[in-house]
């Protein structure tokens, strides 16, 4: 008899572990971790009287999906509304302010339901903290942090949450003094670091190209120029204050996620990271958020410095026209170079930025495939894009040693699809249903009582 008996065994047409091995057809789970992946014969000895066995038939199993840039509380408050229209027109979006602790708690729980139904078992809240305590929406301040802490302590979070601290305003300005104060005074403790982890800080370097607020070396079509969102009397002082923020966070051992869409903002961020690594050579997983106008030389630097990219293909598809209007005809053709980022070795995370866009990762994969153009090997393209929602986000979370694949010992976070994603094209993926979601070996979503 084996020394360990499984709590859960799943049998399926394909179990894609994303761990470099050929697809398995069975997976055994114990105590929230993968015990073994292989054939039915490989796991049969792990089945005991108390083992729950799910025969999934023609379905496929993936590691749980990880959306590495998603505003959970805001999503729960707004859904099914989103901020971007399909024509690419950005707007303020509908306002549903979260005024009370009960409303914030309900919004987070609602987000958990929405995401579980999509097979999403991890997400990053990219900006929570004192900078938004007086925000008009109420979805990003310290009161939201406290609700996340309470839900984690009660075991009620239906996804793993990584959070970035925000010491300025969401989509708005910050100063070095408030940033430095935040680094020294904000409590990053968590009742369960595997369910709620305060990993780093977010800095808004600039805005977005359609609003002519991306910090770029190029002149906008109307002759205007943008400035950094960091406080300062002029561009050199703002750039110096931004650099000081990155250096301070790096010295404190915190990951930095920089909202940077303009090439000038991205260059400044990379200069700061390079300087930080010279002073303290440790890879903290810093990354560029959005990176709309990143160029080839910067991608090479990002790969060398270990700087990742968190991008939204759905925004590229929707806003190409308005980017051309803002920066000049043809500008969008070199924006969002997703394939070039992958070719350069940059860890690329595809994300939804929900509720800017819907949190449906299947649609984002389809959008990425559309933006990247035809693939010679469709199966390899699917593999690559799935890694952008599993393996790479786990790396961004600093959690690649325990989640993101289904190798033995890894977290038993599963997304079960109605068909094998490798048997369809990325454009067809949105039609494939999510039938089951498992977090830590426990079922958190089941479609239509399929496995009752």
Protein backbone atom coordinates (compact mmCIF):
# COMPACT_ATOMS: atom_id res chain seq x y z
CA UNK A 1 0.00 0.00 0.00
CA UNK A 2 1.26 3.54 -0.71
CA UNK A 3 2.23 5.71 2.22
CA UNK A 4 -0.13 8.44 0.99
CA UNK A 5 -3.72 8.09 -0.12
CA UNK A 6 -5.17 10.80 -2.31
CA UNK A 7 -7.98 13.09 -1.20
CA UNK A 8 -8.96 13.69 -4.82
CA UNK A 9 -8.26 11.94 -8.10
CA UNK A 10 -9.30 13.36 -11.46
CA UNK A 11 -9.28 11.41 -14.71
CA UNK A 12 -9.52 13.33 -17.98
CA UNK A 13 -8.69 13.14 -21.66
CA UNK A 14 -5.76 15.46 -21.00
CA UNK A 15 -4.08 16.88 -17.92
CA UNK A 16 -1.73 19.64 -19.07
CA UNK A 17 0.68 20.07 -16.17
CA UNK A 18 2.63 22.93 -17.89
CA UNK A 19 5.70 21.36 -16.28
CA UNK A 20 7.41 20.22 -19.46
CA UNK A 21 6.07 16.67 -19.48
CA UNK A 22 3.70 15.07 -21.97
CA UNK A 23 0.02 15.45 -21.07
CA UNK A 24 -1.16 13.12 -18.34
CA UNK A 25 -4.60 11.55 -18.09
CA UNK A 26 -4.94 11.42 -14.31
CA UNK A 27 -4.00 13.54 -11.34
CA UNK A 28 -3.91 12.72 -7.64
CA UNK A 29 -4.18 15.37 -4.92
CA UNK A 30 -3.52 15.24 -1.19
CA UNK A 31 -3.63 18.04 1.38
CA UNK A 32 -4.09 20.67 -1.30
CA UNK A 33 -1.03 19.61 -3.32
CA UNK A 34 -0.44 17.52 -6.40
CA UNK A 35 0.59 14.04 -5.31
CA UNK A 36 1.12 12.47 -8.72
CA UNK A 37 0.33 13.11 -12.41
CA UNK A 38 0.35 10.30 -14.95
CA UNK A 39 -1.85 7.59 -16.34
CA UNK A 40 -4.82 6.04 -14.61
CA UNK A 41 -2.57 3.11 -13.69
CA UNK A 42 -0.05 5.52 -12.14
CA UNK A 43 -2.58 6.93 -9.67
CA UNK A 44 -4.77 3.86 -9.07
CA UNK A 45 -2.80 2.78 -6.00
CA UNK A 46 -3.39 6.19 -4.43
CA UNK A 47 -7.17 5.74 -4.34
CA UNK A 48 -8.53 4.78 -0.94
CA UNK A 49 -12.00 4.48 0.62
CA UNK A 50 -12.18 8.22 1.28
CA UNK A 51 -10.80 9.40 -2.05
CA UNK A 52 -13.13 11.53 -4.18
CA UNK A 53 -12.77 10.38 -7.79
CA UNK A 54 -13.91 12.59 -10.66
CA UNK A 55 -14.17 10.97 -14.08
CA UNK A 56 -14.07 13.96 -16.41
CA UNK A 57 -14.39 12.12 -19.70
CA UNK A 58 -13.32 14.21 -22.68
CA UNK A 59 -12.53 17.26 -20.56
CA UNK A 60 -9.09 18.77 -20.04
CA UNK A 61 -7.32 19.96 -16.90
CA UNK A 62 -5.02 22.99 -16.66
CA UNK A 63 -3.30 24.66 -13.72
CA UNK A 64 -5.58 27.27 -12.19
CA UNK A 65 -5.64 30.47 -14.22
CA UNK A 66 -3.76 33.45 -12.77
CA UNK A 67 -4.81 36.95 -13.85
CA UNK A 68 -1.78 39.01 -12.90
CA UNK A 69 -3.53 42.41 -13.09
CA UNK A 70 -7.15 42.57 -11.96
CA UNK A 71 -8.94 44.94 -9.57
CA UNK A 72 -11.02 42.46 -7.58
CA UNK A 73 -13.04 44.73 -5.32
CA UNK A 74 -13.74 47.14 -8.17
CA UNK A 75 -14.77 44.26 -10.44
CA UNK A 76 -17.16 42.97 -7.80
CA UNK A 77 -18.71 46.42 -7.47
CA UNK A 78 -19.15 47.11 -11.20
CA UNK A 79 -19.78 43.78 -12.88
CA UNK A 80 -21.21 43.20 -15.46
CA UNK A 81 -20.25 46.77 -16.44
CA UNK A 82 -16.73 47.43 -17.76
CA UNK A 83 -14.82 50.63 -18.47
CA UNK A 84 -13.77 50.10 -22.10
CA UNK A 85 -16.27 49.93 -24.91
CA UNK A 86 -15.61 47.54 -27.78
CA UNK A 87 -14.76 50.51 -30.04
CA UNK A 88 -11.75 51.27 -27.84
CA UNK A 89 -13.18 54.43 -26.34
CA UNK A 90 -11.94 54.74 -22.76
CA UNK A 91 -14.24 56.33 -20.24
CA UNK A 92 -14.70 56.91 -16.56
CA UNK A 93 -17.13 54.03 -16.40
CA UNK A 94 -20.14 53.68 -14.15
CA UNK A 95 -19.62 54.59 -10.52
CA UNK A 96 -20.82 52.29 -7.77
CA UNK A 97 -18.98 53.66 -4.75
CA UNK A 98 -18.23 51.23 -1.95
CA UNK A 99 -19.07 53.27 1.13
CA UNK A 100 -19.15 50.70 3.92
CA UNK A 101 -17.15 47.72 5.11
CA UNK A 102 -20.10 45.46 4.29
CA UNK A 103 -20.21 46.74 0.70
CA UNK A 104 -16.47 46.19 0.27
CA UNK A 105 -16.70 42.69 1.69
CA UNK A 106 -19.61 41.87 -0.61
CA UNK A 107 -17.71 43.20 -3.64
CA UNK A 108 -14.67 41.01 -2.91
CA UNK A 109 -16.88 37.97 -2.41
CA UNK A 110 -18.75 38.75 -5.63
CA UNK A 111 -15.43 38.96 -7.48
CA UNK A 112 -14.52 35.56 -6.07
CA UNK A 113 -17.70 34.07 -7.55
CA UNK A 114 -17.10 35.67 -10.95
CA UNK A 115 -13.49 34.50 -11.13
CA UNK A 116 -14.12 30.98 -9.84
CA UNK A 117 -16.64 30.50 -12.64
CA UNK A 118 -13.85 31.36 -15.10
CA UNK A 119 -11.29 28.93 -13.67
CA UNK A 120 -9.26 31.78 -12.14
CA UNK A 121 -7.58 30.70 -8.90
CA UNK A 122 -5.09 33.58 -8.47
CA UNK A 123 -5.11 37.27 -9.22
CA UNK A 124 -3.13 40.43 -8.46
CA UNK A 125 -4.83 43.47 -6.92
CA UNK A 126 -2.56 46.10 -8.51
CA UNK A 127 -2.90 49.02 -6.15
CA UNK A 128 -4.36 49.06 -2.63
CA UNK A 129 -3.36 51.42 0.13
CA UNK A 130 -3.58 54.76 1.91
CA UNK A 131 -3.20 56.77 -1.27
CA UNK A 132 -6.80 55.89 -2.11
CA UNK A 133 -8.37 56.20 1.35
CA UNK A 134 -10.39 59.17 0.10
CA UNK A 135 -10.96 57.78 -3.39
CA UNK A 136 -14.33 58.31 -5.04
CA UNK A 137 -14.97 54.61 -5.69
CA UNK A 138 -13.87 53.12 -2.36
CA UNK A 139 -12.38 50.00 -3.96
CA UNK A 140 -8.67 50.63 -3.35
CA UNK A 141 -8.08 52.09 0.13
CA UNK A 142 -6.93 50.56 3.41
CA UNK A 143 -10.50 49.63 4.25
CA UNK A 144 -10.40 47.19 1.32
CA UNK A 145 -7.13 45.79 2.62
CA UNK A 146 -8.78 45.08 5.96
CA UNK A 147 -11.67 43.27 4.27
CA UNK A 148 -9.20 41.11 2.35
CA UNK A 149 -7.42 40.31 5.62
CA UNK A 150 -10.65 39.37 7.35
CA UNK A 151 -11.81 37.14 4.50
CA UNK A 152 -8.41 35.44 4.34
CA UNK A 153 -8.52 34.80 8.10
CA UNK A 154 -12.02 33.33 7.74
CA UNK A 155 -10.98 31.12 4.81
CA UNK A 156 -13.52 32.77 2.51
CA UNK A 157 -11.29 34.00 -0.32
CA UNK A 158 -12.05 31.91 -3.42
CA UNK A 159 -8.76 32.81 -5.07
CA UNK A 160 -5.19 33.53 -4.08
CA UNK A 161 -4.61 37.28 -4.00
CA UNK A 162 -1.30 39.08 -4.48
CA UNK A 163 -1.51 42.79 -3.68
CA UNK A 164 0.63 45.79 -4.56
CA UNK A 165 0.63 48.76 -2.19
CA UNK A 166 -0.45 52.13 -3.59
CA UNK A 167 0.83 55.28 -1.89
CA UNK A 168 -0.57 57.76 -4.41
CA UNK A 169 -3.85 57.96 -6.31
CA UNK A 170 -5.08 55.31 -8.70
CA UNK A 171 -4.33 56.59 -12.22
CA UNK A 172 -3.06 59.73 -10.53
CA UNK A 173 -0.14 61.53 -8.91
CA UNK A 174 2.14 60.52 -6.07
CA UNK A 175 5.08 62.12 -4.29
CA UNK A 176 8.33 60.71 -3.05
CA UNK A 177 7.62 61.81 0.53
CA UNK A 178 4.29 59.97 0.73
CA UNK A 179 5.85 56.96 -0.97
CA UNK A 180 8.71 56.84 1.52
CA UNK A 181 6.29 57.23 4.43
CA UNK A 182 4.17 54.38 3.10
CA UNK A 183 7.17 52.08 2.87
CA UNK A 184 7.94 52.58 6.55
CA UNK A 185 4.45 52.67 8.08
CA UNK A 186 2.11 50.33 6.18
CA UNK A 187 1.68 46.86 7.68
CA UNK A 188 2.12 44.08 5.12
CA UNK A 189 1.22 41.16 7.38
CA UNK A 190 -1.26 38.50 6.29
CA UNK A 191 -3.14 35.75 8.14
CA UNK A 192 -2.36 33.34 5.27
CA UNK A 193 0.43 34.42 2.86
CA UNK A 194 -0.49 31.70 0.37
CA UNK A 195 -4.01 33.09 0.11
CA UNK A 196 -3.22 36.81 0.60
CA UNK A 197 0.26 38.18 -0.05
CA UNK A 198 1.40 41.80 0.03
CA UNK A 199 4.38 41.45 -2.29
CA UNK A 200 5.27 44.87 -3.56
CA UNK A 201 4.32 48.41 -4.53
CA UNK A 202 2.77 50.06 -7.55
CA UNK A 203 3.90 53.34 -9.05
CA UNK A 204 1.96 55.25 -11.70
CA UNK A 205 4.60 56.67 -14.00
CA UNK A 206 2.18 57.93 -16.63
CA UNK A 207 -1.28 57.56 -18.17
CA UNK A 208 -2.28 55.95 -21.48
CA UNK A 209 -1.68 56.81 -25.17
CA UNK A 210 -5.36 57.35 -26.13
CA UNK A 211 -5.59 60.11 -23.51
CA UNK A 212 -2.24 61.58 -24.68
CA UNK A 213 -0.87 61.02 -21.18
CA UNK A 214 1.73 58.31 -21.89
CA UNK A 215 5.25 59.63 -21.17
CA UNK A 216 6.88 59.17 -24.53
CA UNK A 217 9.80 60.54 -26.55
CA UNK A 218 7.36 61.12 -29.39
CA UNK A 219 5.26 64.20 -29.87
CA UNK A 220 1.51 63.61 -29.98
CA UNK A 221 -0.31 64.37 -33.20
CA UNK A 222 -1.77 67.55 -31.70
CA UNK A 223 1.69 68.79 -30.65
CA UNK A 224 1.24 68.04 -26.95
CA UNK A 225 3.59 66.26 -24.54
CA UNK A 226 2.82 64.31 -21.38
CA UNK A 227 4.52 64.49 -18.00
CA UNK A 228 5.24 61.88 -15.34
CA UNK A 229 2.58 61.49 -12.66
CA UNK A 230 5.27 61.68 -9.97
CA UNK A 231 5.50 65.00 -8.16
CA UNK A 232 8.17 67.53 -9.08
CA UNK A 233 8.67 71.04 -10.41
CA UNK A 234 9.84 69.95 -13.88
CA UNK A 235 10.63 66.82 -15.90
CA UNK A 236 14.15 66.29 -14.48
CA UNK A 237 12.90 66.58 -10.89
CA UNK A 238 9.96 64.29 -11.56
CA UNK A 239 12.29 61.72 -13.15
CA UNK A 240 14.67 61.92 -10.19
CA UNK A 241 11.81 61.45 -7.71
CA UNK A 242 10.53 58.45 -9.67
CA UNK A 243 14.01 56.91 -9.62
CA UNK A 244 14.24 57.47 -5.86
CA UNK A 245 10.92 55.62 -5.42
CA UNK A 246 12.16 52.56 -7.30
CA UNK A 247 15.46 52.57 -5.41
CA UNK A 248 13.71 52.89 -2.03
CA UNK A 249 11.32 50.02 -2.75
CA UNK A 250 14.12 47.81 -4.03
CA UNK A 251 16.22 48.54 -0.94
CA UNK A 252 13.19 47.60 1.20
CA UNK A 253 13.01 44.23 -0.58
CA UNK A 254 9.73 44.97 -2.32
CA UNK A 255 8.73 44.16 -5.87
CA UNK A 256 7.87 47.21 -7.99
CA UNK A 257 5.11 47.17 -10.57
CA UNK A 258 5.25 50.34 -12.67
CA UNK A 259 2.29 51.51 -14.71
CA UNK A 260 4.24 52.69 -17.75
CA UNK A 261 2.77 52.92 -21.24
CA UNK A 262 5.15 55.39 -22.88
CA UNK A 263 8.61 54.41 -24.08
CA UNK A 264 10.18 57.26 -22.10
CA UNK A 265 8.53 56.05 -18.88
CA UNK A 266 9.65 52.47 -19.55
CA UNK A 267 13.21 53.60 -20.24
CA UNK A 268 13.25 55.54 -16.98
CA UNK A 269 11.98 52.51 -15.09
CA UNK A 270 14.67 50.28 -16.58
CA UNK A 271 17.38 52.82 -15.76
CA UNK A 272 16.16 52.82 -12.16
CA UNK A 273 16.05 49.02 -11.92
CA UNK A 274 19.53 48.74 -13.40
CA UNK A 275 20.83 51.21 -10.85
CA UNK A 276 19.02 49.39 -8.04
CA UNK A 277 20.53 46.06 -9.12
CA UNK A 278 23.99 47.64 -9.12
CA UNK A 279 23.51 48.81 -5.54
CA UNK A 280 21.81 45.61 -4.30
CA UNK A 281 21.97 42.73 -6.73
CA UNK A 282 18.81 40.79 -5.96
CA UNK A 283 16.05 39.93 -8.42
CA UNK A 284 12.75 41.03 -6.86
CA UNK A 285 10.66 40.44 -9.96
CA UNK A 286 10.02 44.07 -10.89
CA UNK A 287 7.75 44.48 -13.87
CA UNK A 288 6.20 46.91 -16.33
CA UNK A 289 2.42 47.18 -16.26
CA UNK A 290 0.82 47.68 -19.70
CA UNK A 291 4.00 48.65 -21.62
CA UNK A 292 2.03 49.79 -24.68
CA UNK A 293 4.90 51.57 -26.45
CA UNK A 294 7.82 49.41 -25.32
CA UNK A 295 10.48 49.03 -28.02
CA UNK A 296 12.83 46.22 -29.07
CA UNK A 297 15.90 47.60 -27.28
CA UNK A 298 13.92 47.95 -24.07
CA UNK A 299 12.64 44.39 -24.32
CA UNK A 300 16.22 43.13 -24.48
CA UNK A 301 17.07 45.17 -21.38
CA UNK A 302 14.00 43.84 -19.59
CA UNK A 303 15.07 40.25 -20.24
CA UNK A 304 18.60 40.99 -19.03
CA UNK A 305 17.37 42.70 -15.87
CA UNK A 306 14.66 40.13 -15.10
CA UNK A 307 11.90 42.71 -15.61
CA UNK A 308 8.55 41.23 -16.59
CA UNK A 309 5.67 42.61 -18.64
CA UNK A 310 1.99 42.53 -17.70
CA UNK A 311 -0.02 43.39 -20.82
CA UNK A 312 -3.60 43.42 -22.09
CA UNK A 313 -4.07 42.18 -25.64
CA UNK A 314 -7.74 43.10 -25.49
CA UNK A 315 -6.79 46.73 -25.03
CA UNK A 316 -4.44 46.53 -28.02
CA UNK A 317 -7.21 45.19 -30.24
CA UNK A 318 -9.74 47.74 -29.01
CA UNK A 319 -7.58 50.88 -28.97
CA UNK A 320 -5.32 50.59 -32.03
CA UNK A 321 -7.40 53.16 -33.87
CA UNK A 322 -7.41 55.75 -31.09
CA UNK A 323 -3.66 55.25 -30.58
CA UNK A 324 -3.14 56.07 -34.25
CA UNK A 325 -5.27 59.17 -33.77
CA UNK A 326 -3.22 60.26 -30.76
CA UNK A 327 0.29 59.46 -32.02
CA UNK A 328 -0.10 59.40 -35.78
CA UNK A 329 -1.27 56.92 -38.39
CA UNK A 330 0.55 53.58 -38.12
CA UNK A 331 1.78 54.11 -34.54
CA UNK A 332 -0.22 51.15 -33.27
CA UNK A 333 1.60 48.78 -35.64
CA UNK A 334 4.67 48.77 -33.38
CA UNK A 335 2.78 49.07 -30.09
CA UNK A 336 2.16 46.07 -27.83
CA UNK A 337 4.94 43.86 -29.32
CA UNK A 338 3.81 40.66 -27.58
CA UNK A 339 5.64 38.21 -29.82
CA UNK A 340 8.80 40.27 -29.66
CA UNK A 341 8.61 40.25 -25.85
CA UNK A 342 8.36 36.47 -25.83
CA UNK A 343 11.18 36.12 -28.36
CA UNK A 344 13.38 38.34 -26.18
CA UNK A 345 12.78 36.11 -23.17
CA UNK A 346 10.67 38.60 -21.21
CA UNK A 347 8.23 36.88 -18.79
CA UNK A 348 4.93 37.98 -20.34
CA UNK A 349 1.70 37.88 -18.36
CA UNK A 350 -1.54 38.35 -20.25
CA UNK A 351 -4.11 40.03 -18.05
CA UNK A 352 -7.57 41.58 -18.25
CA UNK A 353 -7.18 44.68 -16.06
CA UNK A 354 -10.81 43.94 -15.10
CA UNK A 355 -13.10 45.79 -14.81
CA UNK A 356 -11.40 47.78 -17.57
CA UNK A 357 -12.11 44.68 -19.67
CA UNK A 358 -14.08 41.55 -18.77
CA UNK A 359 -11.98 39.08 -16.75
CA UNK A 360 -12.40 36.27 -19.31
CA UNK A 361 -8.88 34.93 -19.94
CA UNK A 362 -10.11 32.90 -22.91
CA UNK A 363 -11.02 36.12 -24.73
CA UNK A 364 -7.67 37.66 -23.84
CA UNK A 365 -5.84 34.67 -25.31
CA UNK A 366 -7.93 35.01 -28.47
CA UNK A 367 -7.11 38.73 -28.59
CA UNK A 368 -3.38 38.06 -28.13
CA UNK A 369 -3.43 35.55 -30.97
CA UNK A 370 -5.25 38.05 -33.18
CA UNK A 371 -2.76 40.79 -32.36
CA UNK A 372 0.28 38.57 -32.90
CA UNK A 373 -0.92 37.42 -36.32
CA UNK A 374 -1.04 33.93 -37.87
CA UNK A 375 0.99 31.19 -36.19
CA UNK A 376 2.87 28.49 -38.05
CA UNK A 377 2.22 26.05 -35.20
CA UNK A 378 -1.21 26.65 -33.66
CA UNK A 379 -0.68 24.13 -30.87
CA UNK A 380 2.59 25.78 -29.86
CA UNK A 381 0.91 29.19 -29.95
CA UNK A 382 -1.75 27.89 -27.55
CA UNK A 383 0.92 26.46 -25.24
CA UNK A 384 2.76 29.78 -25.25
CA UNK A 385 -0.32 31.84 -24.46
CA UNK A 386 -1.52 29.48 -21.74
CA UNK A 387 1.85 29.88 -20.03
CA UNK A 388 1.16 33.62 -19.99
CA UNK A 389 -1.81 32.85 -17.72
CA UNK A 390 -0.22 30.17 -15.55
CA UNK A 391 3.57 29.81 -15.40
CA UNK A 392 4.59 33.43 -15.96
CA UNK A 393 2.12 34.95 -13.47
CA UNK A 394 3.33 32.52 -10.79
CA UNK A 395 6.82 33.80 -11.51
CA UNK A 396 5.58 37.40 -11.19
CA UNK A 397 4.02 36.46 -7.84
CA UNK A 398 7.32 35.06 -6.60
CA UNK A 399 5.50 31.75 -6.24
CA UNK A 400 6.87 29.67 -9.12
CA UNK A 401 8.21 27.13 -6.63
CA UNK A 402 4.72 26.15 -5.46
CA UNK A 403 2.07 27.16 -8.02
CA UNK A 404 1.59 27.66 -11.75
CA UNK A 405 2.18 24.06 -12.83
CA UNK A 406 0.76 20.68 -11.81
CA UNK A 407 4.03 18.95 -11.01
CA UNK A 408 4.13 16.84 -7.81
CA UNK A 409 4.25 19.02 -4.71
CA UNK A 410 2.67 22.03 -6.40
CA UNK A 411 -0.59 23.64 -5.31
CA UNK A 412 -3.63 21.71 -6.47
CA UNK A 413 -5.26 24.65 -8.24
CA UNK A 414 -7.11 23.35 -11.30
CA UNK A 415 -9.14 24.71 -14.19
CA UNK A 416 -11.22 22.04 -15.93
CA UNK A 417 -12.37 22.82 -19.47
CA UNK A 418 -15.11 21.13 -21.49
CA UNK A 419 -12.64 20.39 -24.29
CA UNK A 420 -8.89 20.21 -24.78
CA UNK A 421 -7.63 23.75 -25.53
CA UNK A 422 -4.81 22.26 -27.59
CA UNK A 423 -7.40 20.81 -29.97
CA UNK A 424 -8.86 24.23 -30.85
CA UNK A 425 -7.47 27.49 -32.14
CA UNK A 426 -7.04 30.47 -29.82
CA UNK A 427 -9.89 32.18 -31.69
CA UNK A 428 -12.14 29.24 -30.77
CA UNK A 429 -11.07 29.10 -27.12
CA UNK A 430 -13.80 31.48 -25.82
CA UNK A 431 -16.37 28.86 -26.85
CA UNK A 432 -14.78 26.22 -24.58
CA UNK A 433 -16.63 26.12 -21.25
CA UNK A 434 -15.08 26.18 -17.79
CA UNK A 435 -16.70 23.18 -16.07
CA UNK A 436 -14.88 23.01 -12.75
CA UNK A 437 -12.49 25.06 -10.65
CA UNK A 438 -10.41 23.62 -7.80
CA UNK A 439 -8.45 25.66 -5.26
CA UNK A 440 -6.12 23.94 -2.81
CA UNK A 441 -7.73 20.63 -3.74
CA UNK A 442 -11.25 21.90 -2.96
CA UNK A 443 -13.96 22.50 -5.55
CA UNK A 444 -14.90 26.19 -5.60
CA UNK A 445 -16.95 26.15 -8.81
CA UNK A 446 -18.93 23.46 -10.60
CA UNK A 447 -20.96 24.20 -13.72
CA UNK A 448 -24.55 22.99 -13.66
CA UNK A 449 -23.98 20.21 -11.15
CA UNK A 450 -22.00 18.18 -13.68
CA UNK A 451 -20.10 16.21 -11.04
CA UNK A 452 -22.69 15.93 -8.29
